[in-house]
All heavy atoms as atom14 arrays in JSON, in Angstrom:
{
  "sequence": "GEHYRYLLTKKEKNLFDQGELILHQEEIAGSNNCNAFHPNQYLVNNFS",
  "atom14_mask": [
    [1, 1, 1, 1, 0, 0, 0, 0, 0, 0, 0, 0, 0, 0],
    [1, 1, 1, 1, 1, 1, 1, 1, 1, 0, 0, 0, 0, 0],
    [1, 1, 1, 1, 1, 1, 1, 1, 1, 1, 0, 0, 0, 0],
    [1, 1, 1, 1, 1, 1, 1, 1, 1, 1, 1, 1, 0, 0],
    [1, 1, 1, 1, 1, 1, 1, 1, 1, 1, 1, 0, 0, 0],
    [1, 1, 1, 1, 1, 1, 1, 1, 1, 1, 1, 1, 0, 0],
    [1, 1, 1, 1, 1, 1, 1, 1, 0, 0, 0, 0, 0, 0],
    [1, 1, 1, 1, 1, 1, 1, 1, 0, 0, 0, 0, 0, 0],
    [1, 1, 1, 1, 1, 1, 1, 0, 0, 0, 0, 0, 0, 0],
    [1, 1, 1, 1, 1, 1, 1, 1, 1, 0, 0, 0, 0, 0],
    [1, 1, 1, 1, 1, 1, 1, 1, 1, 0, 0, 0, 0, 0],
    [1, 1, 1, 1, 1, 1, 1, 1, 1, 0, 0, 0, 0, 0],
    [1, 1, 1, 1, 1, 1, 1, 1, 1, 0, 0, 0, 0, 0],
    [1, 1, 1, 1, 1, 1, 1, 1, 0, 0, 0, 0, 0, 0],
    [1, 1, 1, 1, 1, 1, 1, 1, 0, 0, 0, 0, 0, 0],
    [1, 1, 1, 1, 1, 1, 1, 1, 1, 1, 1, 0, 0, 0],
    [1, 1, 1, 1, 1, 1, 1, 1, 0, 0, 0, 0, 0, 0],
    [1, 1, 1, 1, 1, 1, 1, 1, 1, 0, 0, 0, 0, 0],
    [1, 1, 1, 1, 0, 0, 0, 0, 0, 0, 0, 0, 0, 0],
    [1, 1, 1, 1, 1, 1, 1, 1, 1, 0, 0, 0, 0, 0],
    [1, 1, 1, 1, 1, 1, 1, 1, 0, 0, 0, 0, 0, 0],
    [1, 1, 1, 1, 1, 1, 1, 1, 0, 0, 0, 0, 0, 0],
    [1, 1, 1, 1, 1, 1, 1, 1, 0, 0, 0, 0, 0, 0],
    [1, 1, 1, 1, 1, 1, 1, 1, 1, 1, 0, 0, 0, 0],
    [1, 1, 1, 1, 1, 1, 1, 1, 1, 0, 0, 0, 0, 0],
    [1, 1, 1, 1, 1, 1, 1, 1, 1, 0, 0, 0, 0, 0],
    [1, 1, 1, 1, 1, 1, 1, 1, 1, 0, 0, 0, 0, 0],
    [1, 1, 1, 1, 1, 1, 1, 1, 0, 0, 0, 0, 0, 0],
    [1, 1, 1, 1, 1, 0, 0, 0, 0, 0, 0, 0, 0, 0],
    [1, 1, 1, 1, 0, 0, 0, 0, 0, 0, 0, 0, 0, 0],
    [1, 1, 1, 1, 1, 1, 0, 0, 0, 0, 0, 0, 0, 0],
    [1, 1, 1, 1, 1, 1, 1, 1, 0, 0, 0, 0, 0, 0],
    [1, 1, 1, 1, 1, 1, 1, 1, 0, 0, 0, 0, 0, 0],
    [1, 1, 1, 1, 1, 1, 0, 0, 0, 0, 0, 0, 0, 0],
    [1, 1, 1, 1, 1, 1, 1, 1, 0, 0, 0, 0, 0, 0],
    [1, 1, 1, 1, 1, 0, 0, 0, 0, 0, 0, 0, 0, 0],
    [1, 1, 1, 1, 1, 1, 1, 1, 1, 1, 1, 0, 0, 0],
    [1, 1, 1, 1, 1, 1, 1, 1, 1, 1, 0, 0, 0, 0],
    [1, 1, 1, 1, 1, 1, 1, 0, 0, 0, 0, 0, 0, 0],
    [1, 1, 1, 1, 1, 1, 1, 1, 0, 0, 0, 0, 0, 0],
    [1, 1, 1, 1, 1, 1, 1, 1, 1, 0, 0, 0, 0, 0],
    [1, 1, 1, 1, 1, 1, 1, 1, 1, 1, 1, 1, 0, 0],
    [1, 1, 1, 1, 1, 1, 1, 1, 0, 0, 0, 0, 0, 0],
    [1, 1, 1, 1, 1, 1, 1, 0, 0, 0, 0, 0, 0, 0],
    [1, 1, 1, 1, 1, 1, 1, 1, 0, 0, 0, 0, 0, 0],
    [1, 1, 1, 1, 1, 1, 1, 1, 0, 0, 0, 0, 0, 0],
    [1, 1, 1, 1, 1, 1, 1, 1, 1, 1, 1, 0, 0, 0],
    [1, 1, 1, 1, 1, 1, 0, 0, 0, 0, 0, 0, 0, 0]
  ],
  "atom14_positions": [
    [[-3.61, -0.49, -6.51], [-2.96, -1.79, -6.61], [-1.6, -1.73, -7.32], [-0.87, -0.76, -7.15], [0.0, 0.0, 0.0], [0.0, 0.0, 0.0], [0.0, 0.0, 0.0], [0.0, 0.0, 0.0], [0.0, 0.0, 0.0], [0.0, 0.0, 0.0], [0.0, 0.0, 0.0], [0.0, 0.0, 0.0], [0.0, 0.0, 0.0], [0.0, 0.0, 0.0]],
    [[-1.34, -2.72, -8.11], [-0.02, -2.9, -8.76], [0.36, -1.68, -9.6], [1.58, -1.34, -9.64], [-0.04, -4.14, -9.64], [1.29, -4.47, -10.3], [2.34, -4.94, -9.3], [1.98, -5.44, -8.25], [3.52, -4.76, -9.64], [0.0, 0.0, 0.0], [0.0, 0.0, 0.0], [0.0, 0.0, 0.0], [0.0, 0.0, 0.0], [0.0, 0.0, 0.0]],
    [[-0.56, -1.02, -10.22], [-0.22, 0.15, -11.08], [0.53, 1.23, -10.3], [1.41, 1.88, -10.84], [-1.47, 0.77, -11.65], [-1.27, 2.02, -12.43], [-0.9, 2.06, -13.76], [-1.25, 3.32, -12.03], [-0.68, 3.28, -14.15], [-0.92, 4.09, -13.13], [0.0, 0.0, 0.0], [0.0, 0.0, 0.0], [0.0, 0.0, 0.0], [0.0, 0.0, 0.0]],
    [[0.17, 1.39, -9.01], [0.77, 2.48, -8.21], [2.03, 2.08, -7.5], [2.59, 2.84, -6.71], [-0.29, 2.98, -7.2], [-1.37, 3.77, -7.91], [-2.52, 3.16, -8.31], [-1.21, 5.15, -8.09], [-3.53, 3.91, -8.92], [-2.19, 5.9, -8.69], [-3.34, 5.26, -9.12], [-4.35, 5.98, -9.72], [0.0, 0.0, 0.0], [0.0, 0.0, 0.0]],
    [[2.56, 0.9, -7.81], [3.75, 0.43, -7.19], [4.94, 1.36, -7.39], [5.84, 1.51, -6.56], [4.13, -0.97, -7.68], [5.27, -1.67, -7.02], [5.44, -3.1, -7.55], [6.6, -3.78, -6.99], [7.83, -3.66, -7.42], [8.08, -2.84, -8.5], [8.83, -4.3, -6.86], [0.0, 0.0, 0.0], [0.0, 0.0, 0.0], [0.0, 0.0, 0.0]],
    [[4.92, 2.05, -8.58], [6.03, 2.98, -8.92], [6.16, 4.15, -7.94], [7.19, 4.8, -7.92], [5.82, 3.48, -10.35], [4.75, 4.54, -10.52], [5.12, 5.92, -10.52], [3.4, 4.2, -10.62], [4.12, 6.85, -10.63], [2.45, 5.18, -10.77], [2.81, 6.49, -10.77], [1.8, 7.44, -10.94], [0.0, 0.0, 0.0], [0.0, 0.0, 0.0]],
    [[5.13, 4.45, -7.18], [5.18, 5.53, -6.25], [5.88, 5.14, -4.93], [6.11, 6.04, -4.1], [3.78, 6.0, -5.92], [2.97, 6.65, -7.03], [1.54, 6.99, -6.64], [3.63, 7.98, -7.5], [0.0, 0.0, 0.0], [0.0, 0.0, 0.0], [0.0, 0.0, 0.0], [0.0, 0.0, 0.0], [0.0, 0.0, 0.0], [0.0, 0.0, 0.0]],
    [[6.2, 3.89, -4.78], [6.78, 3.42, -3.52], [8.31, 3.45, -3.54], [8.91, 3.4, -4.61], [6.32, 1.97, -3.29], [4.8, 1.73, -3.35], [4.52, 0.2, -3.06], [4.04, 2.6, -2.36], [0.0, 0.0, 0.0], [0.0, 0.0, 0.0], [0.0, 0.0, 0.0], [0.0, 0.0, 0.0], [0.0, 0.0, 0.0], [0.0, 0.0, 0.0]],
    [[8.91, 3.58, -2.39], [10.31, 3.46, -2.24], [10.76, 2.02, -2.45], [9.94, 1.12, -2.45], [10.79, 3.95, -0.85], [10.31, 3.04, 0.13], [10.29, 5.37, -0.53], [0.0, 0.0, 0.0], [0.0, 0.0, 0.0], [0.0, 0.0, 0.0], [0.0, 0.0, 0.0], [0.0, 0.0, 0.0], [0.0, 0.0, 0.0], [0.0, 0.0, 0.0]],
    [[12.03, 1.84, -2.57], [12.56, 0.46, -2.74], [12.15, -0.46, -1.58], [11.72, -1.61, -1.81], [14.06, 0.47, -2.93], [14.67, -0.9, -3.22], [16.16, -0.81, -3.38], [16.76, -2.2, -3.69], [18.23, -2.13, -3.91], [0.0, 0.0, 0.0], [0.0, 0.0, 0.0], [0.0, 0.0, 0.0], [0.0, 0.0, 0.0], [0.0, 0.0, 0.0]],
    [[12.29, 0.06, -0.38], [11.9, -0.73, 0.78], [10.36, -1.01, 0.76], [9.95, -2.15, 1.09], [12.28, 0.06, 2.06], [11.91, -0.68, 3.3], [12.3, 0.11, 4.56], [11.9, -0.63, 5.84], [12.32, 0.14, 7.05], [0.0, 0.0, 0.0], [0.0, 0.0, 0.0], [0.0, 0.0, 0.0], [0.0, 0.0, 0.0], [0.0, 0.0, 0.0]],
    [[9.61, -0.01, 0.44], [8.16, -0.13, 0.39], [7.76, -1.19, -0.72], [6.81, -1.95, -0.5], [7.49, 1.15, 0.12], [7.52, 2.14, 1.3], [7.02, 3.48, 0.97], [7.0, 3.85, -0.22], [6.62, 4.23, 1.93], [0.0, 0.0, 0.0], [0.0, 0.0, 0.0], [0.0, 0.0, 0.0], [0.0, 0.0, 0.0], [0.0, 0.0, 0.0]],
    [[8.41, -1.12, -1.79], [8.14, -2.09, -2.91], [8.36, -3.54, -2.44], [7.55, -4.43, -2.72], [9.01, -1.81, -4.15], [8.59, -0.58, -4.92], [9.55, -0.3, -6.07], [9.11, 0.96, -6.8], [10.06, 1.33, -7.89], [0.0, 0.0, 0.0], [0.0, 0.0, 0.0], [0.0, 0.0, 0.0], [0.0, 0.0, 0.0], [0.0, 0.0, 0.0]],
    [[9.39, -3.74, -1.69], [9.69, -5.09, -1.15], [8.58, -5.53, -0.19], [8.14, -6.66, -0.29], [11.06, -5.13, -0.44], [12.19, -5.03, -1.37], [12.11, -5.41, -2.52], [13.35, -4.47, -0.87], [0.0, 0.0, 0.0], [0.0, 0.0, 0.0], [0.0, 0.0, 0.0], [0.0, 0.0, 0.0], [0.0, 0.0, 0.0], [0.0, 0.0, 0.0]],
    [[8.12, -4.64, 0.66], [7.04, -4.98, 1.58], [5.74, -5.15, 0.82], [4.97, -6.11, 1.14], [6.87, -3.83, 2.61], [8.03, -3.65, 3.63], [7.82, -2.37, 4.41], [8.12, -4.88, 4.48], [0.0, 0.0, 0.0], [0.0, 0.0, 0.0], [0.0, 0.0, 0.0], [0.0, 0.0, 0.0], [0.0, 0.0, 0.0], [0.0, 0.0, 0.0]],
    [[5.48, -4.33, -0.15], [4.27, -4.44, -1.03], [4.28, -5.85, -1.69], [3.27, -6.55, -1.72], [4.28, -3.35, -2.04], [3.05, -3.33, -2.91], [1.92, -2.59, -2.58], [3.08, -4.01, -4.19], [0.8, -2.59, -3.43], [1.98, -3.97, -5.0], [0.82, -3.24, -4.64], [0.0, 0.0, 0.0], [0.0, 0.0, 0.0], [0.0, 0.0, 0.0]],
    [[5.43, -6.26, -2.25], [5.5, -7.54, -2.92], [5.32, -8.7, -1.99], [5.01, -9.82, -2.4], [6.88, -7.67, -3.62], [7.01, -6.67, -4.78], [6.01, -6.1, -5.22], [8.17, -6.39, -5.19], [0.0, 0.0, 0.0], [0.0, 0.0, 0.0], [0.0, 0.0, 0.0], [0.0, 0.0, 0.0], [0.0, 0.0, 0.0], [0.0, 0.0, 0.0]],
    [[5.55, -8.45, -0.67], [5.33, -9.5, 0.33], [3.92, -9.5, 0.89], [3.57, -10.28, 1.78], [6.35, -9.27, 1.5], [7.8, -9.47, 1.07], [8.75, -9.08, 2.21], [8.42, -9.22, 3.39], [9.9, -8.54, 1.83], [0.0, 0.0, 0.0], [0.0, 0.0, 0.0], [0.0, 0.0, 0.0], [0.0, 0.0, 0.0], [0.0, 0.0, 0.0]],
    [[3.07, -8.66, 0.33], [1.68, -8.6, 0.73], [1.35, -7.62, 1.82], [0.25, -7.7, 2.46], [0.0, 0.0, 0.0], [0.0, 0.0, 0.0], [0.0, 0.0, 0.0], [0.0, 0.0, 0.0], [0.0, 0.0, 0.0], [0.0, 0.0, 0.0], [0.0, 0.0, 0.0], [0.0, 0.0, 0.0], [0.0, 0.0, 0.0], [0.0, 0.0, 0.0]],
    [[2.27, -6.63, 2.04], [2.01, -5.64, 3.12], [1.26, -4.44, 2.58], [1.53, -3.99, 1.48], [3.36, -5.22, 3.73], [4.09, -6.27, 4.5], [3.34, -6.65, 5.79], [2.76, -5.77, 6.4], [3.46, -7.83, 6.17], [0.0, 0.0, 0.0], [0.0, 0.0, 0.0], [0.0, 0.0, 0.0], [0.0, 0.0, 0.0], [0.0, 0.0, 0.0]],
    [[0.35, -3.89, 3.36], [-0.34, -2.68, 3.06], [0.64, -1.51, 3.27], [1.31, -1.44, 4.33], [-1.55, -2.48, 3.92], [-2.38, -1.2, 3.76], [-3.13, -1.22, 2.44], [-3.38, -1.01, 4.9], [0.0, 0.0, 0.0], [0.0, 0.0, 0.0], [0.0, 0.0, 0.0], [0.0, 0.0, 0.0], [0.0, 0.0, 0.0], [0.0, 0.0, 0.0]],
    [[0.76, -0.59, 2.32], [1.65, 0.55, 2.49], [0.88, 1.84, 2.6], [-0.09, 2.01, 1.89], [2.62, 0.65, 1.2], [3.29, -0.65, 0.95], [3.59, 1.8, 1.37], [4.2, -1.12, 2.06], [0.0, 0.0, 0.0], [0.0, 0.0, 0.0], [0.0, 0.0, 0.0], [0.0, 0.0, 0.0], [0.0, 0.0, 0.0], [0.0, 0.0, 0.0]],
    [[1.28, 2.65, 3.53], [0.59, 3.91, 3.81], [1.54, 5.08, 3.62], [2.65, 5.06, 4.04], [0.03, 3.95, 5.18], [-1.44, 3.51, 5.43], [-2.41, 4.41, 4.71], [-1.59, 2.04, 5.15], [0.0, 0.0, 0.0], [0.0, 0.0, 0.0], [0.0, 0.0, 0.0], [0.0, 0.0, 0.0], [0.0, 0.0, 0.0], [0.0, 0.0, 0.0]],
    [[1.02, 6.14, 2.95], [1.76, 7.41, 2.88], [0.89, 8.49, 3.64], [-0.32, 8.57, 3.43], [1.91, 7.88, 1.44], [2.96, 7.09, 0.68], [3.24, 7.28, -0.63], [3.82, 6.11, 1.14], [4.21, 6.42, -1.02], [4.56, 5.7, 0.07], [0.0, 0.0, 0.0], [0.0, 0.0, 0.0], [0.0, 0.0, 0.0], [0.0, 0.0, 0.0]],
    [[1.53, 9.28, 4.42], [0.9, 10.39, 5.22], [-0.35, 9.89, 5.92], [-1.44, 10.46, 5.89], [0.53, 11.53, 4.26], [1.74, 12.11, 3.57], [1.45, 13.44, 2.88], [1.17, 14.44, 3.52], [1.56, 13.48, 1.56], [0.0, 0.0, 0.0], [0.0, 0.0, 0.0], [0.0, 0.0, 0.0], [0.0, 0.0, 0.0], [0.0, 0.0, 0.0]],
    [[-0.1, 8.83, 6.69], [-1.22, 8.23, 7.49], [-1.79, 9.16, 8.54], [-2.94, 9.02, 8.97], [-0.7, 6.93, 8.15], [-1.73, 6.04, 8.71], [-1.13, 4.7, 9.12], [0.07, 4.56, 9.14], [-1.94, 3.8, 9.47], [0.0, 0.0, 0.0], [0.0, 0.0, 0.0], [0.0, 0.0, 0.0], [0.0, 0.0, 0.0], [0.0, 0.0, 0.0]],
    [[-1.02, 10.15, 8.92], [-1.45, 11.1, 9.97], [-2.57, 12.01, 9.5], [-3.23, 12.64, 10.33], [-0.22, 11.93, 10.46], [0.33, 12.94, 9.45], [1.25, 12.26, 8.42], [1.43, 11.04, 8.48], [1.83, 13.03, 7.6], [0.0, 0.0, 0.0], [0.0, 0.0, 0.0], [0.0, 0.0, 0.0], [0.0, 0.0, 0.0], [0.0, 0.0, 0.0]],
    [[-2.78, 12.11, 8.19], [-3.89, 12.93, 7.68], [-4.97, 12.02, 7.02], [-5.35, 12.23, 5.89], [-3.43, 14.06, 6.71], [-2.47, 13.53, 5.65], [-2.74, 15.16, 7.5], [-2.09, 14.55, 4.64], [0.0, 0.0, 0.0], [0.0, 0.0, 0.0], [0.0, 0.0, 0.0], [0.0, 0.0, 0.0], [0.0, 0.0, 0.0], [0.0, 0.0, 0.0]],
    [[-5.35, 11.05, 7.79], [-6.3, 10.05, 7.31], [-7.59, 10.68, 6.75], [-8.09, 11.64, 7.34], [-6.67, 9.08, 8.44], [0.0, 0.0, 0.0], [0.0, 0.0, 0.0], [0.0, 0.0, 0.0], [0.0, 0.0, 0.0], [0.0, 0.0, 0.0], [0.0, 0.0, 0.0], [0.0, 0.0, 0.0], [0.0, 0.0, 0.0], [0.0, 0.0, 0.0]],
    [[-8.04, 10.14, 5.68], [-9.3, 10.58, 5.07], [-9.15, 11.65, 4.02], [-10.05, 11.95, 3.25], [0.0, 0.0, 0.0], [0.0, 0.0, 0.0], [0.0, 0.0, 0.0], [0.0, 0.0, 0.0], [0.0, 0.0, 0.0], [0.0, 0.0, 0.0], [0.0, 0.0, 0.0], [0.0, 0.0, 0.0], [0.0, 0.0, 0.0], [0.0, 0.0, 0.0]],
    [[-7.95, 12.28, 3.97], [-7.71, 13.33, 2.97], [-7.11, 12.69, 1.71], [-6.64, 11.55, 1.67], [-6.74, 14.33, 3.52], [-5.41, 13.84, 3.55], [0.0, 0.0, 0.0], [0.0, 0.0, 0.0], [0.0, 0.0, 0.0], [0.0, 0.0, 0.0], [0.0, 0.0, 0.0], [0.0, 0.0, 0.0], [0.0, 0.0, 0.0], [0.0, 0.0, 0.0]],
    [[-7.12, 13.45, 0.63], [-6.57, 12.97, -0.65], [-5.07, 12.75, -0.59], [-4.55, 12.04, -1.4], [-6.85, 13.95, -1.8], [-8.34, 13.9, -2.25], [-8.98, 12.84, -2.12], [-8.84, 14.99, -2.76], [0.0, 0.0, 0.0], [0.0, 0.0, 0.0], [0.0, 0.0, 0.0], [0.0, 0.0, 0.0], [0.0, 0.0, 0.0], [0.0, 0.0, 0.0]],
    [[-4.41, 13.33, 0.42], [-2.94, 13.2, 0.55], [-2.57, 11.98, 1.37], [-1.39, 11.61, 1.37], [-2.35, 14.47, 1.18], [-2.46, 15.65, 0.25], [-2.29, 15.52, -0.98], [-2.76, 16.85, 0.77], [0.0, 0.0, 0.0], [0.0, 0.0, 0.0], [0.0, 0.0, 0.0], [0.0, 0.0, 0.0], [0.0, 0.0, 0.0], [0.0, 0.0, 0.0]],
    [[-3.51, 11.37, 2.02], [-3.23, 10.07, 2.73], [-3.53, 9.0, 1.69], [-4.68, 8.9, 1.24], [-4.14, 9.93, 3.96], [-4.07, 8.32, 4.69], [0.0, 0.0, 0.0], [0.0, 0.0, 0.0], [0.0, 0.0, 0.0], [0.0, 0.0, 0.0], [0.0, 0.0, 0.0], [0.0, 0.0, 0.0], [0.0, 0.0, 0.0], [0.0, 0.0, 0.0]],
    [[-2.57, 8.15, 1.42], [-2.74, 7.16, 0.37], [-2.36, 5.76, 0.92], [-1.31, 5.6, 1.49], [-1.91, 7.47, -0.86], [-2.53, 8.64, -1.63], [-3.6, 8.43, -2.32], [-1.95, 9.81, -1.66], [0.0, 0.0, 0.0], [0.0, 0.0, 0.0], [0.0, 0.0, 0.0], [0.0, 0.0, 0.0], [0.0, 0.0, 0.0], [0.0, 0.0, 0.0]],
    [[-3.29, 4.79, 0.62], [-3.02, 3.42, 0.94], [-2.82, 2.64, -0.29], [-3.49, 2.86, -1.33], [-4.19, 2.89, 1.75], [0.0, 0.0, 0.0], [0.0, 0.0, 0.0], [0.0, 0.0, 0.0], [0.0, 0.0, 0.0], [0.0, 0.0, 0.0], [0.0, 0.0, 0.0], [0.0, 0.0, 0.0], [0.0, 0.0, 0.0], [0.0, 0.0, 0.0]],
    [[-1.9, 1.7, -0.31], [-1.55, 0.89, -1.48], [-1.78, -0.59, -1.08], [-1.12, -1.13, -0.2], [-0.12, 1.13, -1.91], [0.18, 2.55, -2.2], [0.6, 3.43, -1.21], [0.01, 3.07, -3.51], [0.86, 4.8, -1.48], [0.23, 4.44, -3.78], [0.66, 5.3, -2.73], [0.0, 0.0, 0.0], [0.0, 0.0, 0.0], [0.0, 0.0, 0.0]],
    [[-2.72, -1.21, -1.8], [-3.19, -2.6, -1.5], [-2.63, -3.63, -2.48], [-3.17, -3.72, -3.6], [-4.72, -2.68, -1.52], [-5.38, -1.83, -0.48], [-5.54, -0.46, -0.64], [-6.07, -2.19, 0.64], [-6.2, 0.0, 0.42], [-6.56, -0.97, 1.18], [0.0, 0.0, 0.0], [0.0, 0.0, 0.0], [0.0, 0.0, 0.0], [0.0, 0.0, 0.0]],
    [[-1.64, -4.46, -2.09], [-1.29, -5.59, -2.91], [-2.38, -6.61, -2.88], [-3.16, -6.72, -1.92], [0.01, -6.1, -2.28], [-0.05, -5.66, -0.9], [-0.85, -4.35, -0.85], [0.0, 0.0, 0.0], [0.0, 0.0, 0.0], [0.0, 0.0, 0.0], [0.0, 0.0, 0.0], [0.0, 0.0, 0.0], [0.0, 0.0, 0.0], [0.0, 0.0, 0.0]],
    [[-2.49, -7.41, -3.96], [-3.55, -8.42, -3.97], [-3.47, -9.39, -2.81], [-4.46, -9.83, -2.28], [-3.49, -9.21, -5.3], [-3.92, -8.39, -6.47], [-4.5, -7.33, -6.3], [-3.66, -8.9, -7.68], [0.0, 0.0, 0.0], [0.0, 0.0, 0.0], [0.0, 0.0, 0.0], [0.0, 0.0, 0.0], [0.0, 0.0, 0.0], [0.0, 0.0, 0.0]],
    [[-2.24, -9.69, -2.38], [-2.05, -10.64, -1.31], [-2.62, -10.11, 0.0], [-3.14, -10.88, 0.82], [-0.61, -11.02, -1.16], [-0.33, -12.25, -0.35], [-1.03, -13.47, -0.91], [-0.92, -13.77, -2.14], [-1.75, -14.24, -0.08], [0.0, 0.0, 0.0], [0.0, 0.0, 0.0], [0.0, 0.0, 0.0], [0.0, 0.0, 0.0], [0.0, 0.0, 0.0]],
    [[-2.56, -8.79, 0.18], [-3.1, -8.22, 1.42], [-4.63, -8.38, 1.39], [-5.23, -8.75, 2.41], [-2.78, -6.74, 1.5], [-3.46, -6.02, 2.6], [-2.93, -6.04, 3.9], [-4.67, -5.41, 2.45], [-3.59, -5.41, 4.95], [-5.31, -4.73, 3.51], [-4.77, -4.8, 4.77], [-5.43, -4.17, 5.81], [0.0, 0.0, 0.0], [0.0, 0.0, 0.0]],
    [[-5.24, -8.18, 0.24], [-6.71, -8.34, 0.12], [-7.08, -9.78, 0.42], [-8.08, -10.05, 1.15], [-7.14, -7.94, -1.28], [-6.88, -6.48, -1.7], [-7.26, -6.27, -3.17], [-7.64, -5.51, -0.83], [0.0, 0.0, 0.0], [0.0, 0.0, 0.0], [0.0, 0.0, 0.0], [0.0, 0.0, 0.0], [0.0, 0.0, 0.0], [0.0, 0.0, 0.0]],
    [[-6.38, -10.73, -0.14], [-6.65, -12.16, 0.07], [-6.45, -12.54, 1.56], [-7.29, -13.25, 2.15], [-5.75, -13.01, -0.86], [-5.92, -14.49, -0.44], [-6.1, -12.82, -2.28], [0.0, 0.0, 0.0], [0.0, 0.0, 0.0], [0.0, 0.0, 0.0], [0.0, 0.0, 0.0], [0.0, 0.0, 0.0], [0.0, 0.0, 0.0], [0.0, 0.0, 0.0]],
    [[-5.4, -12.03, 2.14], [-5.05, -12.41, 3.52], [-5.95, -11.76, 4.6], [-6.11, -12.26, 5.66], [-3.61, -12.05, 3.85], [-2.61, -12.92, 3.09], [-3.01, -13.97, 2.51], [-1.34, -12.54, 3.03], [0.0, 0.0, 0.0], [0.0, 0.0, 0.0], [0.0, 0.0, 0.0], [0.0, 0.0, 0.0], [0.0, 0.0, 0.0], [0.0, 0.0, 0.0]],
    [[-6.54, -10.59, 4.19], [-7.24, -9.82, 5.19], [-8.69, -9.54, 4.81], [-9.58, -9.86, 5.59], [-6.54, -8.45, 5.42], [-5.15, -8.68, 6.03], [-4.98, -8.79, 7.22], [-4.09, -8.67, 5.16], [0.0, 0.0, 0.0], [0.0, 0.0, 0.0], [0.0, 0.0, 0.0], [0.0, 0.0, 0.0], [0.0, 0.0, 0.0], [0.0, 0.0, 0.0]],
    [[-8.96, -8.99, 3.68], [-10.33, -8.64, 3.3], [-11.17, -9.86, 3.1], [-12.36, -9.9, 3.48], [-10.35, -7.84, 2.02], [-10.01, -6.34, 2.21], [-9.19, -5.92, 3.29], [-10.46, -5.4, 1.38], [-8.89, -4.6, 3.48], [-10.19, -4.06, 1.53], [-9.4, -3.68, 2.59], [0.0, 0.0, 0.0], [0.0, 0.0, 0.0], [0.0, 0.0, 0.0]],
    [[-10.55, -10.94, 2.58], [-11.39, -12.14, 2.28], [-11.8, -12.9, 3.55], [-12.64, -13.76, 3.5], [-10.56, -13.12, 1.38], [-9.44, -13.58, 2.06], [0.0, 0.0, 0.0], [0.0, 0.0, 0.0], [0.0, 0.0, 0.0], [0.0, 0.0, 0.0], [0.0, 0.0, 0.0], [0.0, 0.0, 0.0], [0.0, 0.0, 0.0], [0.0, 0.0, 0.0]]
  ]
}
């Protein structure tokens, strides 16, 4: 969540703040190097 925002690029931070899910290395899904960043708004808009 918010704690990991510092790992994002400036563009990604803007998207994150708008409630967008951010992915790093999506092509290696399931591995420790594939990382998803969930803003609270994404959880509310989608998971709920």
